[in-house]
Amino acid sequence: MLKAEAIDLKRFPLYFAFEDTKAIRDVLSTLRDRQALDTLDEIDTSEHKIIDRLVFDHLGLSPRSASDVISALKALISSRAAKSKT
């Protein structure tokens, strides 16, 4: 979700009080030391899977709904990339 466009996130609150601060710090530490990847590749990294789990758990989404959100995001990114090339 971090790579989503602002318009895609307009309906969501921008601030969440997450409980698992250790997991967040661990991800931050890992990401601090590496280069960003292509958007679609980044979505599938272990770090972003942790971030997604934290967010989806906080929102109370089922694993199926979380998977649907990720699939929809990937489709939207791919569609935008294809449109930008034409």
PDB file of N, CA and C in Angstrom:
ATOM      1  N   MET A   1       0.803  -1.194   0.000  1.00  0.00           N
ATOM      2  CA  MET A   1       0.000   0.000   0.000  1.00  0.00           C
ATOM      3  C   MET A   1       0.848   1.262   0.000  1.00  0.00           C
ATOM      4  N   LEU A   2       2.091   1.144   0.396  1.00  0.00           N
ATOM      5  CA  LEU A   2       2.913   2.348   0.438  1.00  0.00           C
ATOM      6  C   LEU A   2       3.142   2.949  -0.935  1.00  0.00           C
ATOM      7  N   LYS A   3       3.052   2.136  -1.976  1.00  0.00           N
ATOM      8  CA  LYS A   3       3.291   2.623  -3.325  1.00  0.00           C
ATOM      9  C   LYS A   3       1.999   3.066  -4.022  1.00  0.00           C
ATOM     10  N   ALA A   4       0.881   3.027  -3.343  1.00  0.00           N
ATOM     11  CA  ALA A   4      -0.381   3.432  -3.941  1.00  0.00           C
ATOM     12  C   ALA A   4      -0.382   4.932  -4.186  1.00  0.00           C
ATOM     13  N   GLU A   5      -1.144   5.350  -5.171  1.00  0.00           N
ATOM     14  CA  GLU A   5      -1.287   6.773  -5.455  1.00  0.00           C
ATOM     15  C   GLU A   5      -2.158   7.417  -4.381  1.00  0.00           C
ATOM     16  N   ALA A   6      -1.969   8.709  -4.183  1.00  0.00           N
ATOM     17  CA  ALA A   6      -2.743   9.427  -3.168  1.00  0.00           C
ATOM     18  C   ALA A   6      -4.243   9.284  -3.416  1.00  0.00           C
ATOM     19  N   ILE A   7      -4.655   9.319  -4.667  1.00  0.00           N
ATOM     20  CA  ILE A   7      -6.080   9.205  -4.974  1.00  0.00           C
ATOM     21  C   ILE A   7      -6.632   7.847  -4.535  1.00  0.00           C
ATOM     22  N   ASP A   8      -5.793   6.806  -4.585  1.00  0.00           N
ATOM     23  CA  ASP A   8      -6.225   5.468  -4.178  1.00  0.00           C
ATOM     24  C   ASP A   8      -6.440   5.391  -2.672  1.00  0.00           C
ATOM     25  N   LEU A   9      -5.749   6.223  -1.929  1.00  0.00           N
ATOM     26  CA  LEU A   9      -5.795   6.172  -0.463  1.00  0.00           C
ATOM     27  C   LEU A   9      -6.722   7.223   0.140  1.00  0.00           C
ATOM     28  N   LYS A  10      -7.367   8.015  -0.710  1.00  0.00           N
ATOM     29  CA  LYS A  10      -8.171   9.140  -0.237  1.00  0.00           C
ATOM     30  C   LYS A  10      -9.231   8.736   0.784  1.00  0.00           C
ATOM     31  N   ARG A  11      -9.809   7.553   0.654  1.00  0.00           N
ATOM     32  CA  ARG A  11     -10.890   7.123   1.542  1.00  0.00           C
ATOM     33  C   ARG A  11     -10.400   6.562   2.866  1.00  0.00           C
ATOM     34  N   PHE A  12      -9.088   6.374   3.024  1.00  0.00           N
ATOM     35  CA  PHE A  12      -8.553   5.772   4.232  1.00  0.00           C
ATOM     36  C   PHE A  12      -8.002   6.835   5.174  1.00  0.00           C
ATOM     37  N   PRO A  13      -8.153   6.622   6.478  1.00  0.00           N
ATOM     38  CA  PRO A  13      -7.506   7.543   7.431  1.00  0.00           C
ATOM     39  C   PRO A  13      -5.991   7.495   7.235  1.00  0.00           C
ATOM     40  N   LEU A  14      -5.330   8.596   7.488  1.00  0.00           N
ATOM     41  CA  LEU A  14      -3.888   8.651   7.273  1.00  0.00           C
ATOM     42  C   LEU A  14      -3.076   8.305   8.507  1.00  0.00           C
ATOM     43  N   TYR A  15      -3.709   8.184   9.627  1.00  0.00           N
ATOM     44  CA  TYR A  15      -2.971   7.903  10.857  1.00  0.00           C
ATOM     45  C   TYR A  15      -3.566   6.678  11.531  1.00  0.00           C
ATOM     46  N   PHE A  16      -2.708   5.735  11.881  1.00  0.00           N
ATOM     47  CA  PHE A  16      -3.123   4.551  12.619  1.00  0.00           C
ATOM     48  C   PHE A  16      -2.186   4.392  13.809  1.00  0.00           C
ATOM     49  N   ALA A  17      -2.735   4.044  14.952  1.00  0.00           N
ATOM     50  CA  ALA A  17      -1.920   3.785  16.146  1.00  0.00           C
ATOM     51  C   ALA A  17      -1.640   2.282  16.200  1.00  0.00           C
ATOM     52  N   PHE A  18      -0.508   1.881  15.645  1.00  0.00           N
ATOM     53  CA  PHE A  18      -0.150   0.468  15.605  1.00  0.00           C
ATOM     54  C   PHE A  18       0.474   0.045  16.931  1.00  0.00           C
ATOM     55  N   GLU A  19       0.167  -1.176  17.322  1.00  0.00           N
ATOM     56  CA  GLU A  19       0.660  -1.716  18.581  1.00  0.00           C
ATOM     57  C   GLU A  19       2.060  -2.313  18.456  1.00  0.00           C
ATOM     58  N   ASP A  20       2.356  -2.955  17.336  1.00  0.00           N
ATOM     59  CA  ASP A  20       3.591  -3.727  17.177  1.00  0.00           C
ATOM     60  C   ASP A  20       4.739  -2.821  16.707  1.00  0.00           C
ATOM     61  N   THR A  21       5.204  -1.958  17.592  1.00  0.00           N
ATOM     62  CA  THR A  21       6.256  -1.007  17.210  1.00  0.00           C
ATOM     63  C   THR A  21       7.590  -1.705  16.942  1.00  0.00           C
ATOM     64  N   LYS A  22       7.828  -2.852  17.557  1.00  0.00           N
ATOM     65  CA  LYS A  22       9.073  -3.572  17.297  1.00  0.00           C
ATOM     66  C   LYS A  22       9.132  -4.028  15.840  1.00  0.00           C
ATOM     67  N   ALA A  23       8.049  -4.584  15.332  1.00  0.00           N
ATOM     68  CA  ALA A  23       8.012  -5.019  13.931  1.00  0.00           C
ATOM     69  C   ALA A  23       8.223  -3.835  12.997  1.00  0.00           C
ATOM     70  N   ILE A  24       7.637  -2.716  13.340  1.00  0.00           N
ATOM     71  CA  ILE A  24       7.790  -1.513  12.511  1.00  0.00           C
ATOM     72  C   ILE A  24       9.240  -1.042  12.518  1.00  0.00           C
ATOM     73  N   ARG A  25       9.859  -1.022  13.694  1.00  0.00           N
ATOM     74  CA  ARG A  25      11.273  -0.619  13.776  1.00  0.00           C
ATOM     75  C   ARG A  25      12.178  -1.588  13.016  1.00  0.00           C
ATOM     76  N   ASP A  26      11.889  -2.870  13.102  1.00  0.00           N
ATOM     77  CA  ASP A  26      12.686  -3.871  12.389  1.00  0.00           C
ATOM     78  C   ASP A  26      12.603  -3.668  10.871  1.00  0.00           C
ATOM     79  N   VAL A  27      11.400  -3.420  10.369  1.00  0.00           N
ATOM     80  CA  VAL A  27      11.229  -3.178   8.938  1.00  0.00           C
ATOM     81  C   VAL A  27      11.952  -1.896   8.535  1.00  0.00           C
ATOM     82  N   LEU A  28      11.802  -0.861   9.315  1.00  0.00           N
ATOM     83  CA  LEU A  28      12.483   0.396   9.029  1.00  0.00           C
ATOM     84  C   LEU A  28      13.991   0.198   8.968  1.00  0.00           C
ATOM     85  N   SER A  29      14.530  -0.546   9.899  1.00  0.00           N
ATOM     86  CA  SER A  29      15.965  -0.811   9.925  1.00  0.00           C
ATOM     87  C   SER A  29      16.417  -1.540   8.661  1.00  0.00           C
ATOM     88  N   THR A  30      15.654  -2.514   8.241  1.00  0.00           N
ATOM     89  CA  THR A  30      15.987  -3.273   7.032  1.00  0.00           C
ATOM     90  C   THR A  30      15.893  -2.396   5.790  1.00  0.00           C
ATOM     91  N   LEU A  31      14.823  -1.626   5.677  1.00  0.00           N
ATOM     92  CA  LEU A  31      14.619  -0.798   4.487  1.00  0.00           C
ATOM     93  C   LEU A  31      15.618   0.352   4.401  1.00  0.00           C
ATOM     94  N   ARG A  32      16.082   0.800   5.532  1.00  0.00           N
ATOM     95  CA  ARG A  32      17.042   1.907   5.560  1.00  0.00           C
ATOM     96  C   ARG A  32      18.331   1.537   4.819  1.00  0.00           C
ATOM     97  N   ASP A  33      18.663   0.250   4.811  1.00  0.00           N
ATOM     98  CA  ASP A  33      19.939  -0.205   4.272  1.00  0.00           C
ATOM     99  C   ASP A  33      19.869  -0.763   2.858  1.00  0.00           C
ATOM    100  N   ARG A  34      18.766  -0.585   2.165  1.00  0.00           N
ATOM    101  CA  ARG A  34      18.715  -1.106   0.803  1.00  0.00           C
ATOM    102  C   ARG A  34      18.039  -0.129  -0.147  1.00  0.00           C
ATOM    103  N   GLN A  35      18.300  -0.321  -1.423  1.00  0.00           N
ATOM    104  CA  GLN A  35      17.707   0.516  -2.460  1.00  0.00           C
ATOM    105  C   GLN A  35      16.249   0.099  -2.686  1.00  0.00           C
ATOM    106  N   ALA A  36      15.444   1.059  -3.082  1.00  0.00           N
ATOM    107  CA  ALA A  36      14.058   0.761  -3.443  1.00  0.00           C
ATOM    108  C   ALA A  36      14.050  -0.047  -4.735  1.00  0.00           C
ATOM    109  N   LEU A  37      13.074  -0.916  -4.852  1.00  0.00           N
ATOM    110  CA  LEU A  37      12.922  -1.754  -6.029  1.00  0.00           C
ATOM    111  C   LEU A  37      11.809  -1.206  -6.918  1.00  0.00           C
ATOM    112  N   ASP A  38      11.662  -1.803  -8.085  1.00  0.00           N
ATOM    113  CA  ASP A  38      10.521  -1.512  -8.941  1.00  0.00           C
ATOM    114  C   ASP A  38       9.249  -1.749  -8.125  1.00  0.00           C
ATOM    115  N   THR A  39       8.225  -0.960  -8.369  1.00  0.00           N
ATOM    116  CA  THR A  39       7.013  -0.996  -7.552  1.00  0.00           C
ATOM    117  C   THR A  39       6.433  -2.403  -7.412  1.00  0.00           C
ATOM    118  N   LEU A  40       6.265  -3.113  -8.507  1.00  0.00           N
ATOM    119  CA  LEU A  40       5.667  -4.445  -8.425  1.00  0.00           C
ATOM    120  C   LEU A  40       6.573  -5.432  -7.702  1.00  0.00           C
ATOM    121  N   ASP A  41       7.882  -5.275  -7.861  1.00  0.00           N
ATOM    122  CA  ASP A  41       8.810  -6.135  -7.133  1.00  0.00           C
ATOM    123  C   ASP A  41       8.796  -5.810  -5.639  1.00  0.00           C
ATOM    124  N   GLU A  42       8.679  -4.550  -5.330  1.00  0.00           N
ATOM    125  CA  GLU A  42       8.687  -4.099  -3.932  1.00  0.00           C
ATOM    126  C   GLU A  42       7.501  -4.677  -3.160  1.00  0.00           C
ATOM    127  N   ILE A  43       6.364  -4.769  -3.801  1.00  0.00           N
ATOM    128  CA  ILE A  43       5.160  -5.275  -3.139  1.00  0.00           C
ATOM    129  C   ILE A  43       5.353  -6.693  -2.628  1.00  0.00           C
ATOM    130  N   ASP A  44       6.188  -7.467  -3.308  1.00  0.00           N
ATOM    131  CA  ASP A  44       6.380  -8.870  -2.942  1.00  0.00           C
ATOM    132  C   ASP A  44       7.555  -9.115  -1.990  1.00  0.00           C
ATOM    133  N   THR A  45       8.212  -8.060  -1.516  1.00  0.00           N
ATOM    134  CA  THR A  45       9.333  -8.256  -0.600  1.00  0.00           C
ATOM    135  C   THR A  45       8.825  -8.647   0.790  1.00  0.00           C
ATOM    136  N   SER A  46       9.694  -9.279   1.537  1.00  0.00           N
ATOM    137  CA  SER A  46       9.305  -9.695   2.894  1.00  0.00           C
ATOM    138  C   SER A  46       8.964  -8.485   3.760  1.00  0.00           C
ATOM    139  N   GLU A  47       9.672  -7.378   3.560  1.00  0.00           N
ATOM    140  CA  GLU A  47       9.399  -6.169   4.352  1.00  0.00           C
ATOM    141  C   GLU A  47       7.982  -5.649   4.092  1.00  0.00           C
ATOM    142  N   HIS A  48       7.604  -5.615   2.834  1.00  0.00           N
ATOM    143  CA  HIS A  48       6.273  -5.097   2.530  1.00  0.00           C
ATOM    144  C   HIS A  48       5.174  -6.078   2.915  1.00  0.00           C
ATOM    145  N   LYS A  49       5.484  -7.351   2.937  1.00  0.00           N
ATOM    146  CA  LYS A  49       4.504  -8.321   3.433  1.00  0.00           C
ATOM    147  C   LYS A  49       4.264  -8.116   4.923  1.00  0.00           C
ATOM    148  N   ILE A  50       5.307  -7.755   5.650  1.00  0.00           N
ATOM    149  CA  ILE A  50       5.152  -7.448   7.084  1.00  0.00           C
ATOM    150  C   ILE A  50       4.310  -6.196   7.263  1.00  0.00           C
ATOM    151  N   ILE A  51       4.623  -5.164   6.479  1.00  0.00           N
ATOM    152  CA  ILE A  51       3.845  -3.916   6.546  1.00  0.00           C
ATOM    153  C   ILE A  51       2.388  -4.183   6.206  1.00  0.00           C
ATOM    154  N   ASP A  52       2.154  -4.931   5.131  1.00  0.00           N
ATOM    155  CA  ASP A  52       0.778  -5.254   4.746  1.00  0.00           C
ATOM    156  C   ASP A  52       0.060  -6.008   5.853  1.00  0.00           C
ATOM    157  N   ARG A  53       0.738  -6.987   6.474  1.00  0.00           N
ATOM    158  CA  ARG A  53       0.112  -7.751   7.547  1.00  0.00           C
ATOM    159  C   ARG A  53      -0.292  -6.832   8.699  1.00  0.00           C
ATOM    160  N   LEU A  54       0.616  -5.917   9.076  1.00  0.00           N
ATOM    161  CA  LEU A  54       0.311  -4.981  10.161  1.00  0.00           C
ATOM    162  C   LEU A  54      -0.926  -4.141   9.830  1.00  0.00           C
ATOM    163  N   VAL A  55      -0.966  -3.633   8.609  1.00  0.00           N
ATOM    164  CA  VAL A  55      -2.085  -2.770   8.198  1.00  0.00           C
ATOM    165  C   VAL A  55      -3.375  -3.572   8.078  1.00  0.00           C
ATOM    166  N   PHE A  56      -3.312  -4.707   7.391  1.00  0.00           N
ATOM    167  CA  PHE A  56      -4.528  -5.494   7.196  1.00  0.00           C
ATOM    168  C   PHE A  56      -5.062  -6.037   8.512  1.00  0.00           C
ATOM    169  N   ASP A  57      -4.185  -6.459   9.411  1.00  0.00           N
ATOM    170  CA  ASP A  57      -4.634  -6.900  10.731  1.00  0.00           C
ATOM    171  C   ASP A  57      -5.290  -5.752  11.485  1.00  0.00           C
ATOM    172  N   HIS A  58      -4.688  -4.578  11.397  1.00  0.00           N
ATOM    173  CA  HIS A  58      -5.245  -3.408  12.079  1.00  0.00           C
ATOM    174  C   HIS A  58      -6.635  -3.073  11.545  1.00  0.00           C
ATOM    175  N   LEU A  59      -6.807  -3.232  10.231  1.00  0.00           N
ATOM    176  CA  LEU A  59      -8.103  -2.942   9.611  1.00  0.00           C
ATOM    177  C   LEU A  59      -9.103  -4.083   9.781  1.00  0.00           C
ATOM    178  N   GLY A  60      -8.617  -5.224  10.287  1.00  0.00           N
ATOM    179  CA  GLY A  60      -9.503  -6.360  10.499  1.00  0.00           C
ATOM    180  C   GLY A  60      -9.872  -7.101   9.223  1.00  0.00           C
ATOM    181  N   LEU A  61      -9.013  -7.039   8.206  1.00  0.00           N
ATOM    182  CA  LEU A  61      -9.304  -7.723   6.947  1.00  0.00           C
ATOM    183  C   LEU A  61      -8.919  -9.201   7.038  1.00  0.00           C
ATOM    184  N   SER A  62      -9.718 -10.024   6.432  1.00  0.00           N
ATOM    185  CA  SER A  62      -9.412 -11.451   6.365  1.00  0.00           C
ATOM    186  C   SER A  62      -8.239 -11.663   5.405  1.00  0.00           C
ATOM    187  N   PRO A  63      -7.562 -12.806   5.517  1.00  0.00           N
ATOM    188  CA  PRO A  63      -6.476 -13.090   4.569  1.00  0.00           C
ATOM    189  C   PRO A  63      -6.950 -13.030   3.112  1.00  0.00           C
ATOM    190  N   ARG A  64      -8.155 -13.497   2.856  1.00  0.00           N
ATOM    191  CA  ARG A  64      -8.704 -13.456   1.490  1.00  0.00           C
ATOM    192  C   ARG A  64      -8.894 -12.013   1.019  1.00  0.00           C
ATOM    193  N   SER A  65      -9.459 -11.169   1.875  1.00  0.00           N
ATOM    194  CA  SER A  65      -9.656  -9.762   1.516  1.00  0.00           C
ATOM    195  C   SER A  65      -8.312  -9.061   1.323  1.00  0.00           C
ATOM    196  N   ALA A  66      -7.351  -9.370   2.177  1.00  0.00           N
ATOM    197  CA  ALA A  66      -6.012  -8.775   2.044  1.00  0.00           C
ATOM    198  C   ALA A  66      -5.393  -9.169   0.711  1.00  0.00           C
ATOM    199  N   SER A  67      -5.529 -10.432   0.354  1.00  0.00           N
ATOM    200  CA  SER A  67      -5.004 -10.909  -0.928  1.00  0.00           C
ATOM    201  C   SER A  67      -5.692 -10.207  -2.090  1.00  0.00           C
ATOM    202  N   ASP A  68      -6.993  -9.999  -1.974  1.00  0.00           N
ATOM    203  CA  ASP A  68      -7.741  -9.289  -3.019  1.00  0.00           C
ATOM    204  C   ASP A  68      -7.255  -7.848  -3.163  1.00  0.00           C
ATOM    205  N   VAL A  69      -6.976  -7.190  -2.038  1.00  0.00           N
ATOM    206  CA  VAL A  69      -6.470  -5.813  -2.078  1.00  0.00           C
ATOM    207  C   VAL A  69      -5.120  -5.760  -2.783  1.00  0.00           C
ATOM    208  N   ILE A  70      -4.235  -6.666  -2.446  1.00  0.00           N
ATOM    209  CA  ILE A  70      -2.904  -6.695  -3.066  1.00  0.00           C
ATOM    210  C   ILE A  70      -3.014  -6.985  -4.557  1.00  0.00           C
ATOM    211  N   SER A  71      -3.862  -7.919  -4.928  1.00  0.00           N
ATOM    212  CA  SER A  71      -4.060  -8.230  -6.354  1.00  0.00           C
ATOM    213  C   SER A  71      -4.619  -7.030  -7.107  1.00  0.00           C
ATOM    214  N   ALA A  72      -5.578  -6.347  -6.516  1.00  0.00           N
ATOM    215  CA  ALA A  72      -6.159  -5.164  -7.153  1.00  0.00           C
ATOM    216  C   ALA A  72      -5.113  -4.057  -7.304  1.00  0.00           C
ATOM    217  N   LEU A  73      -4.279  -3.884  -6.282  1.00  0.00           N
ATOM    218  CA  LEU A  73      -3.228  -2.868  -6.350  1.00  0.00           C
ATOM    219  C   LEU A  73      -2.241  -3.190  -7.461  1.00  0.00           C
ATOM    220  N   LYS A  74      -1.838  -4.451  -7.563  1.00  0.00           N
ATOM    221  CA  LYS A  74      -0.911  -4.858  -8.624  1.00  0.00           C
ATOM    222  C   LYS A  74      -1.530  -4.620 -10.002  1.00  0.00           C
ATOM    223  N   ALA A  75      -2.806  -4.947 -10.151  1.00  0.00           N
ATOM    224  CA  ALA A  75      -3.488  -4.743 -11.428  1.00  0.00           C
ATOM    225  C   ALA A  75      -3.557  -3.254 -11.770  1.00  0.00           C
ATOM    226  N   LEU A  76      -3.833  -2.425 -10.785  1.00  0.00           N
ATOM    227  CA  LEU A  76      -3.903  -0.981 -11.002  1.00  0.00           C
ATOM    228  C   LEU A  76      -2.543  -0.415 -11.400  1.00  0.00           C
ATOM    229  N   ILE A  77      -1.496  -0.849 -10.727  1.00  0.00           N
ATOM    230  CA  ILE A  77      -0.137  -0.387 -11.054  1.00  0.00           C
ATOM    231  C   ILE A  77       0.233  -0.815 -12.464  1.00  0.00           C
ATOM    232  N   SER A  78      -0.057  -2.063 -12.815  1.00  0.00           N
ATOM    233  CA  SER A  78       0.255  -2.566 -14.156  1.00  0.00           C
ATOM    234  C   SER A  78      -0.516  -1.797 -15.222  1.00  0.00           C
ATOM    235  N   SER A  79      -1.785  -1.536 -14.942  1.00  0.00           N
ATOM    236  CA  SER A  79      -2.614  -0.781 -15.884  1.00  0.00           C
ATOM    237  C   SER A  79      -2.086   0.632 -16.092  1.00  0.00           C
ATOM    238  N   ARG A  80      -1.707   1.288 -15.020  1.00  0.00           N
ATOM    239  CA  ARG A  80      -1.159   2.645 -15.133  1.00  0.00           C
ATOM    240  C   ARG A  80       0.160   2.649 -15.881  1.00  0.00           C
ATOM    241  N   ALA A  81       0.980   1.642 -15.637  1.00  0.00           N
ATOM    242  CA  ALA A  81       2.263   1.555 -16.331  1.00  0.00           C
ATOM    243  C   ALA A  81       2.048   1.354 -17.821  1.00  0.00           C
ATOM    244  N   ALA A  82       1.084   0.515 -18.174  1.00  0.00           N
ATOM    245  CA  ALA A  82       0.795   0.260 -19.591  1.00  0.00           C
ATOM    246  C   ALA A  82       0.263   1.520 -20.263  1.00  0.00           C
ATOM    247  N   LYS A  83      -0.605   2.254 -19.574  1.00  0.00           N
ATOM    248  CA  LYS A  83      -1.151   3.496 -20.140  1.00  0.00           C
ATOM    249  C   LYS A  83      -0.082   4.552 -20.324  1.00  0.00           C
ATOM    250  N   SER A  84       0.877   4.592 -19.417  1.00  0.00           N
ATOM    251  CA  SER A  84       1.914   5.628 -19.502  1.00  0.00           C
ATOM    252  C   SER A  84       2.867   5.382 -20.659  1.00  0.00           C
ATOM    253  N   LYS A  85       2.903   4.145 -21.170  1.00  0.00           N
ATOM    254  CA  LYS A  85       3.791   3.809 -22.289  1.00  0.00           C
ATOM    255  C   LYS A  85       3.147   4.080 -23.636  1.00  0.00           C
ATOM    256  N   THR A  86       1.837   4.333 -23.625  1.00  0.00           N
ATOM    257  CA  THR A  86       1.141   4.567 -24.903  1.00  0.00           C
ATOM    258  C   THR A  86       0.846   6.023 -25.115  1.00  0.00           C
TER     259      THR A  86
END
